Amino acid sequence: MSEEISIPVSDKIDKMDVPAEALSEAQKIKKGICPSCDGSLVFQEGCKVCYSCGWGGCE
């Protein structure tokens, strides 16, 4: 007999391959996607920043 394991819905969403357009701003930042231009975020001097558009997470 196999046991069923319950996974919280929020964990399922984080692991799904969801298009960037469908994510909230917080979800994008968590995944390293710029909420302004969908570019890549990098961690620099304690802040997440986007070199593509200049967005900064410590503003």
N, C-alpha and C. Protein backbone atom coordinates (compact mmCIF):
# COMPACT_ATOMS: atom_id res chain seq x y z
N MET A 1 0.83 -1.17 0.00
CA MET A 1 0.00 0.00 0.00
C MET A 1 0.89 1.25 0.00
N SER A 2 0.57 2.22 -0.82
CA SER A 2 1.36 3.45 -0.86
C SER A 2 0.66 4.55 -0.09
N GLU A 3 1.47 5.42 0.53
CA GLU A 3 0.92 6.54 1.27
C GLU A 3 0.84 7.75 0.36
N GLU A 4 -0.21 8.53 0.50
CA GLU A 4 -0.35 9.76 -0.27
C GLU A 4 0.28 10.90 0.52
N ILE A 5 1.14 11.66 -0.14
CA ILE A 5 1.81 12.78 0.50
C ILE A 5 1.13 14.06 0.04
N SER A 6 0.77 14.89 1.00
CA SER A 6 0.12 16.15 0.69
C SER A 6 1.16 17.26 0.57
N ILE A 7 1.15 17.96 -0.55
CA ILE A 7 2.06 19.08 -0.79
C ILE A 7 1.23 20.35 -0.81
N PRO A 8 1.64 21.37 -0.02
CA PRO A 8 0.88 22.64 -0.04
C PRO A 8 0.79 23.22 -1.45
N VAL A 9 -0.32 23.86 -1.75
CA VAL A 9 -0.55 24.42 -3.08
C VAL A 9 0.54 25.42 -3.46
N SER A 10 1.01 26.24 -2.53
CA SER A 10 2.03 27.23 -2.83
C SER A 10 3.32 26.58 -3.31
N ASP A 11 3.69 25.41 -2.76
CA ASP A 11 4.88 24.69 -3.21
C ASP A 11 4.69 24.15 -4.62
N LYS A 12 3.49 23.72 -4.94
CA LYS A 12 3.21 23.21 -6.29
C LYS A 12 3.36 24.32 -7.32
N ILE A 13 2.88 25.51 -7.01
CA ILE A 13 2.94 26.64 -7.94
C ILE A 13 4.38 27.04 -8.20
N ASP A 14 5.22 27.08 -7.16
CA ASP A 14 6.62 27.47 -7.31
C ASP A 14 7.39 26.51 -8.21
N LYS A 15 7.00 25.24 -8.22
CA LYS A 15 7.74 24.25 -9.00
C LYS A 15 7.19 24.10 -10.43
N MET A 16 6.03 24.67 -10.70
CA MET A 16 5.44 24.57 -12.03
C MET A 16 6.14 25.53 -12.98
N ASP A 17 6.16 25.15 -14.24
CA ASP A 17 6.75 26.00 -15.27
C ASP A 17 5.66 26.95 -15.77
N VAL A 18 5.57 28.11 -15.12
CA VAL A 18 4.54 29.09 -15.41
C VAL A 18 5.17 30.24 -16.18
N PRO A 19 4.53 30.73 -17.25
CA PRO A 19 5.08 31.88 -17.98
C PRO A 19 5.25 33.09 -17.06
N ALA A 20 6.30 33.87 -17.29
CA ALA A 20 6.60 35.03 -16.44
C ALA A 20 5.43 36.01 -16.38
N GLU A 21 4.66 36.13 -17.46
CA GLU A 21 3.54 37.07 -17.50
C GLU A 21 2.46 36.71 -16.48
N ALA A 22 2.37 35.43 -16.10
CA ALA A 22 1.33 34.97 -15.20
C ALA A 22 1.72 35.08 -13.72
N LEU A 23 2.96 35.44 -13.44
CA LEU A 23 3.44 35.51 -12.07
C LEU A 23 3.21 36.90 -11.46
N SER A 24 3.04 36.94 -10.15
CA SER A 24 2.93 38.22 -9.46
C SER A 24 4.32 38.84 -9.36
N GLU A 25 4.40 40.09 -8.97
CA GLU A 25 5.69 40.77 -8.83
C GLU A 25 6.58 40.04 -7.83
N ALA A 26 6.03 39.65 -6.71
CA ALA A 26 6.81 38.96 -5.67
C ALA A 26 7.32 37.60 -6.17
N GLN A 27 6.49 36.88 -6.93
CA GLN A 27 6.90 35.59 -7.47
C GLN A 27 8.03 35.76 -8.48
N LYS A 28 7.95 36.80 -9.30
CA LYS A 28 9.00 37.06 -10.28
C LYS A 28 10.32 37.33 -9.57
N ILE A 29 10.29 38.19 -8.56
CA ILE A 29 11.51 38.55 -7.83
C ILE A 29 12.10 37.30 -7.18
N LYS A 30 11.26 36.47 -6.59
CA LYS A 30 11.71 35.24 -5.94
C LYS A 30 12.40 34.30 -6.94
N LYS A 31 11.91 34.28 -8.18
CA LYS A 31 12.49 33.42 -9.21
C LYS A 31 13.66 34.08 -9.95
N GLY A 32 13.99 35.34 -9.61
CA GLY A 32 15.10 36.02 -10.25
C GLY A 32 14.74 36.67 -11.57
N ILE A 33 13.45 37.01 -11.73
CA ILE A 33 12.96 37.66 -12.95
C ILE A 33 12.60 39.10 -12.61
N CYS A 34 13.05 40.04 -13.41
CA CYS A 34 12.75 41.45 -13.18
C CYS A 34 11.24 41.70 -13.34
N PRO A 35 10.62 42.32 -12.34
CA PRO A 35 9.18 42.59 -12.44
C PRO A 35 8.85 43.70 -13.43
N SER A 36 9.85 44.45 -13.86
CA SER A 36 9.62 45.56 -14.78
C SER A 36 9.76 45.13 -16.25
N CYS A 37 10.84 44.39 -16.57
CA CYS A 37 11.10 44.06 -17.98
C CYS A 37 11.25 42.57 -18.25
N ASP A 38 11.08 41.72 -17.23
CA ASP A 38 11.25 40.26 -17.33
C ASP A 38 12.68 39.83 -17.64
N GLY A 39 13.65 40.74 -17.44
CA GLY A 39 15.06 40.38 -17.58
C GLY A 39 15.53 39.61 -16.35
N SER A 40 16.80 39.26 -16.32
CA SER A 40 17.36 38.51 -15.19
C SER A 40 17.80 39.45 -14.07
N LEU A 41 17.50 39.06 -12.84
CA LEU A 41 17.95 39.81 -11.69
C LEU A 41 19.26 39.22 -11.18
N VAL A 42 20.14 40.09 -10.71
CA VAL A 42 21.39 39.66 -10.08
C VAL A 42 21.45 40.26 -8.69
N PHE A 43 22.15 39.57 -7.80
CA PHE A 43 22.30 40.04 -6.42
C PHE A 43 23.59 40.83 -6.34
N GLN A 44 23.49 42.13 -6.03
CA GLN A 44 24.65 43.01 -6.00
C GLN A 44 24.57 43.91 -4.78
N GLU A 45 25.60 43.89 -3.96
CA GLU A 45 25.69 44.76 -2.78
C GLU A 45 24.45 44.67 -1.89
N GLY A 46 23.94 43.46 -1.70
CA GLY A 46 22.80 43.25 -0.82
C GLY A 46 21.44 43.49 -1.43
N CYS A 47 21.39 43.81 -2.73
CA CYS A 47 20.12 44.10 -3.41
C CYS A 47 20.01 43.29 -4.70
N LYS A 48 18.78 43.03 -5.10
CA LYS A 48 18.55 42.43 -6.41
C LYS A 48 18.39 43.57 -7.40
N VAL A 49 19.14 43.51 -8.51
CA VAL A 49 19.08 44.55 -9.53
C VAL A 49 18.97 43.92 -10.92
N CYS A 50 18.45 44.70 -11.86
CA CYS A 50 18.33 44.28 -13.25
C CYS A 50 19.23 45.16 -14.09
N TYR A 51 20.18 44.56 -14.80
CA TYR A 51 21.07 45.33 -15.66
C TYR A 51 20.38 45.76 -16.95
N SER A 52 19.29 45.10 -17.32
CA SER A 52 18.59 45.44 -18.57
C SER A 52 17.85 46.77 -18.48
N CYS A 53 17.12 46.99 -17.37
CA CYS A 53 16.30 48.20 -17.28
C CYS A 53 16.66 49.10 -16.10
N GLY A 54 17.53 48.61 -15.19
CA GLY A 54 17.93 49.43 -14.06
C GLY A 54 17.06 49.27 -12.82
N TRP A 55 16.08 48.36 -12.86
CA TRP A 55 15.22 48.13 -11.70
C TRP A 55 16.09 47.70 -10.52
N GLY A 56 15.76 48.18 -9.32
CA GLY A 56 16.49 47.79 -8.12
C GLY A 56 15.54 47.44 -7.00
N GLY A 57 15.81 46.34 -6.30
CA GLY A 57 14.94 45.87 -5.23
C GLY A 57 15.13 46.57 -3.90
N CYS A 58 16.10 47.44 -3.78
CA CYS A 58 16.34 48.11 -2.49
C CYS A 58 15.90 49.56 -2.49
N GLU A 59 15.13 49.95 -3.44
CA GLU A 59 14.71 51.35 -3.55
C GLU A 59 13.73 51.72 -2.48
